Amino acid sequence: MRRISELVLVAALTAAFVAVFFALNKEEAVISEQVIKEVPISRVAYAPENDVDFTVSASSGLDQVVHVMSAGSQSVRSPFDFIFGGEPQEVPTMSSGSGVIISSDGYIVTNNHVIRNATEIKIILNNKKSYIAKVIGKDARIDLALLKIEAKDKEVFSAMPYGDSDKIKIGEWVLAIGNPFNLYSTVTAGIVSAKARSLGMSSRTSLEAFIQTDAAVNPGNSGGALVNTKGELIGINTAIASRTGSYVGYSFAIPVNIVRKVISDFIEYGEIQRALIGVTIYEINAQSALELGIDNVQGVYVNSVSEDGAADDSGVKVKDIITKIDGQQIKNSSELYEKVGIHRPGDVITVTVLRDGKSKDIKVTLKNQNNKTSMQRVENIDLLGAKFKLAKEETLKLANVSHGVEVTEVNPGKLRMKGVKVGFIVLKINQEKVETVSDIQRIIEKSEGGVLIEGVYPNGKRTYYAFGMDN
């Protein structure tokens, strides 16, 4: 009986323990379930109202980005020409890219390399309407060009509003809109990966401060729009980093604040007005800071100051560390060139330098490459003995031509000797199309032997002038 009583007691205690154990675990399970219900993780992280919506900016952007098709020619020599002395042959070329309408009256910005050497430029809108464009200004070093198309039947073009590239943030969503591989009106999305990126694409390029994104950009996107989620233009897509020639993850755009300044220069002066601060600089990192014997690694180190340049006149000194331009932090040379590049000669900027461990603000009046504060026009071609300007719209219409550079003054020189008169509109030199004053400078400088100038007078009379470079 005692043995049975012991077994009954053990069984009772075990049952009581199991009951308490399950009761405690049931209570814990209920508490855990309540916590999960009270913290709706899915609503915080993936709530639909927090999703980024690209549809509005994409829809408007498609009507504001155009397809740019250019036809031209280039001289090609056969291998036999070098043996038998044959002349180079002109071979037709075709290229295409993208452009962005930036005004309701038909101004379009694109890359210079999209329309390089073009004799005819066709613009195709998203609605399939086509127009012939003329070049207002172009610059190879910054790789931008400004085109103009004329409205038909008083139509008004849909223009893309400007954003502010200084305010974009790394990680911000952006859209690339363009015509890759002739696939019209293509939109891709990505984020801003970096700012003020220098690629070192050309030793002659004085300004590289690209916006880097991971939005897919391919051949044909050049000249197209980089847009924020508000549908504002923040950059012009220009380059990709690739070993294959196609997109592999990195694309680069010229910031819109630089674009706006260049466009304004083209319209007002026909040329870019480059402002210079007049210093050479080192970028500071841990290694260079150690070599220079300085503690600060923020900013750029002034290695030399150009005599009579802007910095020299204002008191910037060698060994100064430039930390800010107009209150904006400067971390590398690209950021400095970008902040200076949006200005013109004569503009005053505030340069913050670190000197002997102390911060100092210096007012600097920017100058051009000739150390002057005035605007500069490439208008006096000494070799020809003449001055030029872009022909006005009414002048071109009167002469029934779409482009050209007008002779405004004839002095002793080759053109006077040949009988060129004021008002003559230069259309071509050595079969190359002349659209800006700098085109004349460029073509004449590379010419050897003879020069053939084709043009027209306001009365419509076509005239040719030829002369030798050595007489």
Protein backbone atom coordinates (compact mmCIF):
# COMPACT_ATOMS: atom_id res chain seq x y z
CA MET A 1 0.00 0.00 0.00
CA ARG A 2 2.86 2.38 0.85
CA ARG A 3 4.47 1.63 -2.53
CA ILE A 4 1.24 2.46 -4.31
CA SER A 5 0.85 5.67 -2.26
CA GLU A 6 4.35 6.82 -3.28
CA LEU A 7 3.60 6.22 -6.96
CA VAL A 8 0.34 8.16 -6.71
CA LEU A 9 2.16 11.07 -5.01
CA VAL A 10 4.88 11.20 -7.70
CA ALA A 11 2.26 11.11 -10.45
CA ALA A 12 0.33 13.93 -8.82
CA LEU A 13 3.44 16.10 -8.46
CA THR A 14 4.45 15.43 -12.08
CA ALA A 15 0.99 16.35 -13.33
CA ALA A 16 1.05 19.56 -11.31
CA PHE A 17 4.51 20.48 -12.69
CA VAL A 18 3.43 19.84 -16.30
CA ALA A 19 0.29 21.90 -15.79
CA VAL A 20 2.26 24.85 -14.41
CA PHE A 21 4.88 24.56 -17.22
CA PHE A 22 2.27 24.67 -20.00
CA ALA A 23 0.41 27.48 -18.28
CA LEU A 24 3.57 29.60 -18.15
CA ASN A 25 4.43 28.88 -21.78
CA LYS A 26 0.90 29.62 -22.89
CA GLU A 27 1.10 33.00 -21.14
CA GLU A 28 4.47 33.74 -22.79
CA ALA A 29 3.07 32.78 -26.19
CA VAL A 30 0.15 35.15 -25.69
CA ILE A 31 2.50 37.99 -24.71
CA SER A 32 4.66 37.39 -27.80
CA GLU A 33 1.61 37.38 -30.04
CA GLN A 34 0.44 40.65 -28.54
CA VAL A 35 3.85 42.28 -29.15
CA ILE A 36 3.80 41.23 -32.80
CA LYS A 37 0.32 42.64 -33.27
CA GLU A 38 1.27 45.90 -31.58
CA VAL A 39 4.35 46.48 -33.84
CA PRO A 40 3.15 46.34 -37.49
CA ILE A 41 6.61 46.02 -39.05
CA SER A 42 5.20 45.61 -42.55
CA ARG A 43 3.36 48.94 -42.33
CA VAL A 44 6.48 50.82 -41.17
CA ALA A 45 8.87 49.45 -43.78
CA TYR A 46 6.65 48.75 -46.78
CA ALA A 47 3.60 50.94 -46.45
CA PRO A 48 2.28 51.80 -49.95
CA GLU A 49 2.01 55.49 -49.06
CA ASN A 50 5.79 55.58 -48.56
CA ASP A 51 6.62 54.17 -52.01
CA VAL A 52 8.41 56.42 -54.54
CA ASP A 53 6.20 57.25 -57.51
CA PHE A 54 8.04 57.81 -60.81
CA THR A 55 4.97 58.00 -63.06
CA VAL A 56 4.41 61.77 -62.96
CA SER A 57 8.01 62.78 -63.67
CA ALA A 58 8.37 60.05 -66.31
CA SER A 59 5.16 61.05 -68.09
CA SER A 60 6.06 64.74 -68.35
CA GLY A 61 9.72 64.02 -69.10
CA LEU A 62 8.94 61.95 -72.17
CA ASP A 63 7.46 65.00 -73.90
CA GLN A 64 10.43 67.16 -72.93
CA VAL A 65 13.23 64.85 -74.09
CA VAL A 66 13.83 64.62 -77.83
CA HIS A 67 15.64 62.35 -80.27
CA VAL A 68 18.58 64.09 -81.96
CA MET A 69 19.72 62.74 -85.33
CA SER A 70 22.70 64.33 -87.07
CA ALA A 71 24.06 63.80 -90.57
CA GLY A 72 27.55 64.83 -91.55
CA SER A 73 30.71 63.64 -93.21
CA GLN A 74 34.33 63.00 -92.42
CA SER A 75 37.47 62.73 -94.50
CA VAL A 76 38.75 59.17 -94.87
CA ARG A 77 42.00 58.16 -96.54
CA SER A 78 42.53 54.82 -98.22
CA PRO A 79 45.80 53.02 -97.38
CA PHE A 80 46.67 53.39 -101.06
CA ASP A 81 46.43 57.19 -100.80
CA PHE A 82 49.68 57.28 -98.89
CA ILE A 83 51.38 55.24 -101.62
CA PHE A 84 49.93 56.85 -104.72
CA GLY A 85 49.12 60.29 -103.30
CA GLY A 86 45.34 60.10 -103.59
CA GLU A 87 43.04 62.70 -102.03
CA PRO A 88 40.94 61.86 -98.94
CA GLN A 89 37.31 60.99 -99.63
CA GLU A 90 34.33 62.48 -97.83
CA VAL A 91 32.31 59.67 -96.27
CA PRO A 92 28.75 60.32 -94.99
CA THR A 93 28.23 59.81 -91.26
CA MET A 94 25.13 59.45 -89.12
CA SER A 95 24.81 59.66 -85.36
CA SER A 96 21.99 59.92 -82.88
CA GLY A 97 21.46 60.86 -79.29
CA SER A 98 19.08 62.76 -77.07
CA GLY A 99 18.31 66.35 -76.11
CA VAL A 100 16.21 68.26 -73.60
CA ILE A 101 13.79 71.08 -74.42
CA ILE A 102 14.59 73.87 -71.95
CA SER A 103 12.32 76.65 -73.24
CA SER A 104 8.85 76.87 -74.74
CA ASP A 105 10.23 78.62 -77.85
CA GLY A 106 12.40 75.66 -78.85
CA TYR A 107 15.85 75.84 -77.25
CA ILE A 108 17.31 72.35 -76.78
CA VAL A 109 20.42 71.34 -74.85
CA THR A 110 22.44 68.25 -75.77
CA ASN A 111 26.04 67.00 -75.76
CA ASN A 112 28.52 68.45 -78.21
CA HIS A 113 29.66 64.96 -79.24
CA VAL A 114 26.11 64.14 -80.38
CA ILE A 115 26.18 66.84 -83.10
CA ARG A 116 29.92 67.01 -83.76
CA ASN A 117 30.69 67.68 -87.46
CA ALA A 118 26.98 67.62 -88.33
CA THR A 119 25.83 69.34 -91.51
CA GLU A 120 22.16 68.72 -90.72
CA ILE A 121 20.46 68.08 -87.38
CA LYS A 122 16.97 66.64 -87.14
CA ILE A 123 14.94 66.76 -83.92
CA ILE A 124 12.15 64.23 -83.36
CA LEU A 125 9.69 64.83 -80.52
CA ASN A 126 7.87 62.18 -78.54
CA ASN A 127 4.77 62.88 -80.64
CA LYS A 128 6.82 61.98 -83.78
CA LYS A 129 6.90 65.54 -85.14
CA SER A 130 10.27 66.42 -86.68
CA TYR A 131 12.19 69.68 -87.06
CA ILE A 132 15.51 70.85 -88.47
CA ALA A 133 17.67 72.45 -85.76
CA LYS A 134 20.38 75.06 -85.94
CA VAL A 135 23.35 75.33 -83.58
CA ILE A 136 23.38 78.35 -81.26
CA GLY A 137 26.57 77.44 -79.43
CA LYS A 138 28.77 74.46 -78.68
CA ASP A 139 31.88 73.67 -76.67
CA ALA A 140 33.93 70.47 -76.90
CA ARG A 141 35.75 70.89 -73.59
CA ILE A 142 32.60 70.89 -71.49
CA ASP A 143 30.74 68.73 -74.07
CA LEU A 144 27.57 70.81 -74.31
CA ALA A 145 25.70 72.27 -77.27
CA LEU A 146 22.63 74.48 -77.57
CA LEU A 147 20.23 73.95 -80.48
CA LYS A 148 17.13 75.84 -81.64
CA ILE A 149 14.05 74.61 -83.48
CA GLU A 150 11.27 76.80 -84.85
CA ALA A 151 7.65 76.22 -83.87
CA LYS A 152 5.08 75.32 -86.50
CA ASP A 153 1.71 77.09 -86.49
CA LYS A 154 2.44 78.99 -83.25
CA GLU A 155 2.85 75.79 -81.24
CA VAL A 156 4.42 75.96 -77.78
CA PHE A 157 6.95 73.33 -76.79
CA SER A 158 6.81 71.52 -73.45
CA ALA A 159 9.94 72.60 -71.56
CA MET A 160 11.53 70.73 -68.66
CA PRO A 161 11.79 72.81 -65.46
CA TYR A 162 15.20 73.27 -63.88
CA GLY A 163 16.11 71.71 -60.56
CA ASP A 164 19.08 72.59 -58.34
CA SER A 165 22.02 70.19 -58.65
CA ASP A 166 23.61 71.66 -55.50
CA LYS A 167 20.70 70.31 -53.46
CA ILE A 168 20.68 66.71 -54.67
CA LYS A 169 21.70 64.08 -52.15
CA ILE A 170 23.57 60.82 -52.46
CA GLY A 171 20.97 58.04 -52.38
CA GLU A 172 18.26 60.20 -53.95
CA TRP A 173 16.13 58.53 -56.63
CA VAL A 174 16.62 59.79 -60.20
CA LEU A 175 15.40 58.94 -63.71
CA ALA A 176 17.42 58.85 -66.94
CA ILE A 177 15.29 59.68 -69.99
CA GLY A 178 16.62 59.28 -73.52
CA ASN A 179 16.86 57.18 -76.67
CA PRO A 180 19.39 54.37 -76.10
CA PHE A 181 20.13 52.21 -79.17
CA ASN A 182 17.43 54.23 -81.02
CA LEU A 183 14.81 52.90 -78.60
CA TYR A 184 12.70 56.05 -78.48
CA SER A 185 11.53 57.53 -75.17
CA THR A 186 13.16 55.12 -72.72
CA VAL A 187 13.06 55.72 -68.96
CA THR A 188 15.37 54.04 -66.43
CA ALA A 189 15.67 54.60 -62.67
CA GLY A 190 18.52 54.62 -60.17
CA ILE A 191 20.00 56.62 -57.34
CA VAL A 192 22.64 59.33 -57.07
CA SER A 193 25.81 57.37 -56.33
CA ALA A 194 28.29 60.24 -56.02
CA LYS A 195 28.69 63.96 -56.72
CA ALA A 196 31.51 66.07 -58.20
CA ARG A 197 33.08 63.03 -59.83
CA SER A 198 36.09 63.59 -62.11
CA LEU A 199 36.78 61.01 -64.82
CA GLY A 200 39.90 62.53 -66.39
CA MET A 201 38.42 61.90 -69.86
CA SER A 202 40.46 64.66 -71.51
CA SER A 203 43.53 66.59 -70.51
CA ARG A 204 41.95 69.66 -72.15
CA THR A 205 38.78 69.44 -70.13
CA SER A 206 38.85 72.20 -67.54
CA LEU A 207 35.68 71.26 -65.72
CA GLU A 208 34.63 67.77 -64.65
CA ALA A 209 32.21 67.53 -61.75
CA PHE A 210 29.80 64.80 -62.84
CA ILE A 211 26.80 63.44 -61.00
CA GLN A 212 27.34 59.67 -60.84
CA THR A 213 24.26 57.43 -60.87
CA ASP A 214 23.43 53.76 -61.33
CA ALA A 215 20.52 54.52 -63.68
CA ALA A 216 21.04 52.50 -66.87
CA VAL A 217 22.50 54.71 -69.61
CA ASN A 218 23.66 53.45 -73.00
CA PRO A 219 24.80 54.88 -76.35
CA GLY A 220 21.96 57.13 -77.52
CA ASN A 221 21.23 58.42 -74.01
CA SER A 222 23.90 61.12 -74.44
CA GLY A 223 22.35 64.57 -74.18
CA GLY A 224 19.26 63.22 -72.43
CA ALA A 225 17.83 64.21 -69.08
CA LEU A 226 18.67 63.16 -65.56
CA VAL A 227 15.50 63.98 -63.63
CA ASN A 228 14.48 63.96 -59.98
CA THR A 229 11.15 62.59 -58.74
CA LYS A 230 9.58 66.05 -59.12
CA GLY A 231 10.27 65.96 -62.86
CA GLU A 232 12.98 68.63 -62.62
CA LEU A 233 16.14 68.56 -64.73
CA ILE A 234 19.19 68.01 -62.53
CA GLY A 235 21.73 66.90 -65.15
CA ILE A 236 22.53 66.05 -68.78
CA ASN A 237 23.55 62.42 -69.24
CA THR A 238 26.97 62.44 -70.88
CA ALA A 239 29.14 59.40 -70.23
CA ILE A 240 29.28 55.82 -69.01
CA ALA A 241 32.12 53.88 -67.40
CA SER A 242 32.33 50.67 -69.40
CA ARG A 243 34.78 48.12 -70.77
CA THR A 244 32.25 46.92 -73.32
CA GLY A 245 30.80 50.17 -74.67
CA SER A 246 27.46 49.45 -73.00
CA TYR A 247 26.13 50.08 -69.51
CA VAL A 248 27.78 48.09 -66.72
CA GLY A 249 26.57 49.99 -63.68
CA TYR A 250 27.94 53.54 -63.78
CA SER A 251 26.73 56.61 -65.65
CA PHE A 252 27.61 60.29 -65.39
CA ALA A 253 25.73 63.55 -65.94
CA ILE A 254 26.77 67.21 -66.16
CA PRO A 255 25.09 69.05 -63.23
CA VAL A 256 22.23 71.32 -64.30
CA ASN A 257 23.68 74.36 -62.52
CA ILE A 258 26.65 74.21 -64.88
CA VAL A 259 24.33 73.56 -67.84
CA ARG A 260 22.23 76.64 -67.06
CA LYS A 261 25.29 78.88 -66.95
CA VAL A 262 26.64 77.51 -70.25
CA ILE A 263 23.28 77.93 -71.99
CA SER A 264 23.06 81.53 -70.80
CA ASP A 265 26.57 82.20 -72.14
CA PHE A 266 25.70 80.68 -75.52
CA ILE A 267 22.60 82.82 -75.88
CA GLU A 268 24.19 86.09 -74.71
CA TYR A 269 27.73 85.79 -76.08
CA GLY A 270 27.89 82.79 -78.39
CA GLU A 271 30.79 81.45 -76.32
CA ILE A 272 31.34 80.15 -72.79
CA GLN A 273 32.63 82.81 -70.41
CA ARG A 274 35.14 80.86 -68.32
CA ALA A 275 35.91 82.25 -64.89
CA LEU A 276 39.21 81.33 -63.27
CA ILE A 277 40.32 81.59 -59.66
CA GLY A 278 44.01 81.49 -60.60
CA VAL A 279 45.46 78.73 -58.41
CA THR A 280 46.86 75.23 -58.79
CA ILE A 281 45.84 72.86 -56.05
CA TYR A 282 46.52 69.51 -54.40
CA GLU A 283 43.75 67.30 -53.09
CA ILE A 284 44.35 66.50 -49.46
CA ASN A 285 44.23 62.95 -48.12
CA ALA A 286 45.97 61.23 -45.23
CA GLN A 287 49.15 60.65 -47.25
CA SER A 288 49.40 64.16 -48.75
CA ALA A 289 48.59 65.73 -45.37
CA LEU A 290 51.50 63.81 -43.88
CA GLU A 291 53.82 64.89 -46.70
CA LEU A 292 52.74 68.53 -46.42
CA GLY A 293 52.99 68.49 -42.64
CA ILE A 294 49.41 69.55 -42.00
CA ASP A 295 46.75 68.15 -39.70
CA ASN A 296 43.65 69.10 -41.69
CA VAL A 297 42.47 66.67 -44.40
CA GLN A 298 39.38 68.63 -45.43
CA GLY A 299 39.64 70.97 -48.41
CA VAL A 300 42.23 71.54 -51.15
CA TYR A 301 45.80 72.75 -50.73
CA VAL A 302 46.95 75.81 -52.71
CA ASN A 303 50.20 74.79 -54.41
CA SER A 304 50.73 77.94 -56.48
CA VAL A 305 49.04 81.27 -57.23
CA SER A 306 49.05 82.75 -60.75
CA GLU A 307 50.64 86.17 -60.94
CA ASP A 308 48.02 88.92 -61.37
CA GLY A 309 45.28 86.30 -61.28
CA ALA A 310 42.08 86.52 -59.25
CA ALA A 311 43.47 84.76 -56.18
CA ASP A 312 46.70 86.76 -56.28
CA ASP A 313 44.84 90.07 -56.38
CA SER A 314 42.60 89.03 -53.49
CA GLY A 315 45.28 87.79 -51.11
CA VAL A 316 44.99 84.01 -51.38
CA LYS A 317 48.43 82.55 -50.64
CA VAL A 318 50.43 79.41 -51.30
CA LYS A 319 49.90 76.83 -48.49
CA ASP A 320 46.36 78.11 -47.84
CA ILE A 321 43.78 75.33 -47.60
CA ILE A 322 40.54 76.22 -49.38
CA THR A 323 37.69 74.72 -47.36
CA LYS A 324 34.61 76.52 -48.71
CA ILE A 325 33.35 78.50 -51.71
CA ASP A 326 30.40 80.78 -50.91
CA GLY A 327 29.83 78.85 -47.70
CA GLN A 328 29.68 75.44 -49.40
CA GLN A 329 32.15 72.77 -48.30
CA ILE A 330 34.99 71.92 -50.71
CA LYS A 331 36.36 68.39 -50.42
CA ASN A 332 38.18 67.94 -53.71
CA SER A 333 39.31 69.77 -56.85
CA SER A 334 36.15 68.82 -58.79
CA GLU A 335 33.96 70.55 -56.22
CA LEU A 336 36.12 73.67 -56.38
CA TYR A 337 36.02 73.81 -60.19
CA GLU A 338 32.25 73.22 -60.15
CA LYS A 339 31.59 76.06 -57.71
CA VAL A 340 33.83 78.43 -59.67
CA GLY A 341 32.59 77.16 -63.05
CA ILE A 342 29.03 78.39 -62.55
CA HIS A 343 30.33 81.97 -62.44
CA ARG A 344 31.52 84.48 -65.05
CA PRO A 345 34.56 86.76 -65.04
CA GLY A 346 33.84 89.74 -62.81
CA ASP A 347 31.71 87.78 -60.34
CA VAL A 348 32.76 88.01 -56.68
CA ILE A 349 32.89 84.83 -54.61
CA THR A 350 33.76 84.21 -50.96
CA VAL A 351 36.68 81.83 -50.53
CA THR A 352 37.18 80.40 -47.05
CA VAL A 353 40.76 79.35 -46.37
CA LEU A 354 42.53 77.75 -43.45
CA ARG A 355 45.78 79.62 -42.79
CA ASP A 356 48.04 78.94 -39.82
CA GLY A 357 45.23 76.98 -38.22
CA LYS A 358 42.74 79.84 -38.48
CA SER A 359 39.76 80.18 -40.82
CA LYS A 360 39.62 83.29 -43.00
CA ASP A 361 37.04 84.54 -45.54
CA ILE A 362 38.46 86.26 -48.65
CA LYS A 363 36.47 88.06 -51.35
CA VAL A 364 37.79 87.02 -54.77
CA THR A 365 36.86 88.74 -58.05
CA LEU A 366 37.11 86.09 -60.77
CA LYS A 367 38.98 86.72 -64.04
CA ASN A 368 39.14 85.20 -67.50
CA GLN A 369 42.17 83.48 -69.02
CA ASN A 370 43.61 86.88 -69.96
CA ASN A 371 43.40 88.03 -66.32
CA LYS A 372 40.57 90.43 -67.12
CA THR A 373 37.15 90.72 -65.52
CA SER A 374 35.32 91.59 -68.75
CA MET A 375 33.29 89.24 -70.93
CA GLN A 376 35.22 87.75 -73.82
CA ARG A 377 34.09 87.04 -77.37
CA VAL A 378 36.13 85.08 -79.87
CA GLU A 379 35.41 87.61 -82.59
CA ASN A 380 38.69 88.98 -83.88
CA ILE A 381 40.49 86.52 -86.16
CA ASP A 382 43.85 88.24 -86.68
CA LEU A 383 44.89 86.06 -89.59
CA LEU A 384 41.83 87.07 -91.63
CA GLY A 385 41.82 90.70 -90.52
CA ALA A 386 38.14 90.72 -89.62
CA LYS A 387 35.67 90.63 -86.77
CA PHE A 388 32.68 88.32 -86.57
CA LYS A 389 29.49 87.67 -84.63
CA LEU A 390 26.69 85.12 -84.74
CA ALA A 391 24.20 86.20 -87.38
CA LYS A 392 20.84 87.27 -85.95
CA GLU A 393 17.63 85.41 -86.76
CA GLU A 394 16.25 88.18 -88.96
CA THR A 395 19.55 88.39 -90.88
CA LEU A 396 19.51 84.66 -91.59
CA LYS A 397 15.90 84.80 -92.76
CA LEU A 398 16.70 87.69 -95.07
CA ALA A 399 19.54 85.69 -96.63
CA ASN A 400 17.39 82.53 -96.68
CA VAL A 401 19.89 80.44 -94.65
CA SER A 402 19.58 78.59 -91.36
CA HIS A 403 22.97 79.31 -89.82
CA GLY A 404 26.10 81.39 -90.22
CA VAL A 405 28.58 83.87 -88.77
CA GLU A 406 28.43 87.49 -89.91
CA VAL A 407 31.42 89.69 -90.78
CA THR A 408 31.06 92.88 -88.73
CA GLU A 409 34.36 94.62 -89.55
CA VAL A 410 37.00 94.21 -92.25
CA ASN A 411 40.55 95.39 -91.54
CA PRO A 412 43.80 94.93 -93.49
CA GLY A 413 44.18 91.20 -94.05
CA LYS A 414 43.29 88.32 -96.33
CA LEU A 415 39.54 88.94 -96.44
CA ARG A 416 39.93 92.60 -97.41
CA MET A 417 42.41 91.59 -100.12
CA LYS A 418 39.80 89.22 -101.56
CA GLY A 419 37.04 91.83 -101.47
CA VAL A 420 34.96 90.55 -98.56
CA LYS A 421 32.46 93.18 -97.35
CA VAL A 422 30.81 93.81 -93.99
CA GLY A 423 27.57 91.80 -93.77
CA PHE A 424 28.95 88.72 -95.50
CA ILE A 425 27.68 85.56 -93.78
CA VAL A 426 30.21 82.73 -93.55
CA LEU A 427 28.50 79.36 -94.04
CA LYS A 428 31.39 76.96 -94.64
CA ILE A 429 35.17 76.95 -94.58
CA ASN A 430 36.92 74.11 -96.41
CA GLN A 431 33.56 72.34 -96.66
CA GLU A 432 33.13 72.39 -92.84
CA LYS A 433 29.93 73.94 -91.55
CA VAL A 434 30.44 77.21 -89.63
CA GLU A 435 27.94 77.79 -86.84
CA THR A 436 29.91 79.75 -84.25
CA VAL A 437 32.81 82.20 -84.27
CA SER A 438 34.98 79.57 -82.59
CA ASP A 439 34.35 77.29 -85.60
CA ILE A 440 36.14 79.84 -87.79
CA GLN A 441 39.05 80.01 -85.36
CA ARG A 442 39.30 76.22 -85.14
CA ILE A 443 39.12 75.56 -88.89
CA ILE A 444 41.58 78.31 -89.83
CA GLU A 445 44.10 77.19 -87.20
CA LYS A 446 44.24 73.64 -88.56
CA SER A 447 44.16 74.63 -92.24
CA GLU A 448 47.24 73.99 -94.39
CA GLY A 449 47.65 75.15 -97.97
CA GLY A 450 44.47 76.71 -99.35
CA VAL A 451 41.33 78.01 -97.68
CA LEU A 452 37.91 78.09 -99.37
CA ILE A 453 35.22 80.22 -97.72
CA GLU A 454 31.60 79.81 -98.80
CA GLY A 455 28.99 82.33 -97.77
CA VAL A 456 26.12 84.60 -98.69
CA TYR A 457 25.30 88.30 -98.57
CA PRO A 458 21.98 89.53 -97.08
CA ASN A 459 20.58 89.96 -100.61
CA GLY A 460 20.93 86.20 -101.13
CA LYS A 461 24.00 86.28 -103.38
CA ARG A 462 26.16 83.19 -102.83
CA THR A 463 29.88 83.95 -102.97
CA TYR A 464 33.13 82.00 -102.64
CA TYR A 465 36.51 83.35 -101.57
CA ALA A 466 39.76 81.38 -101.79
CA PHE A 467 43.27 82.21 -100.61
CA GLY A 468 46.46 80.48 -99.55
CA MET A 469 47.70 80.30 -96.00
CA ASP A 470 51.23 81.24 -97.05
CA ASN A 471 50.45 84.33 -99.13
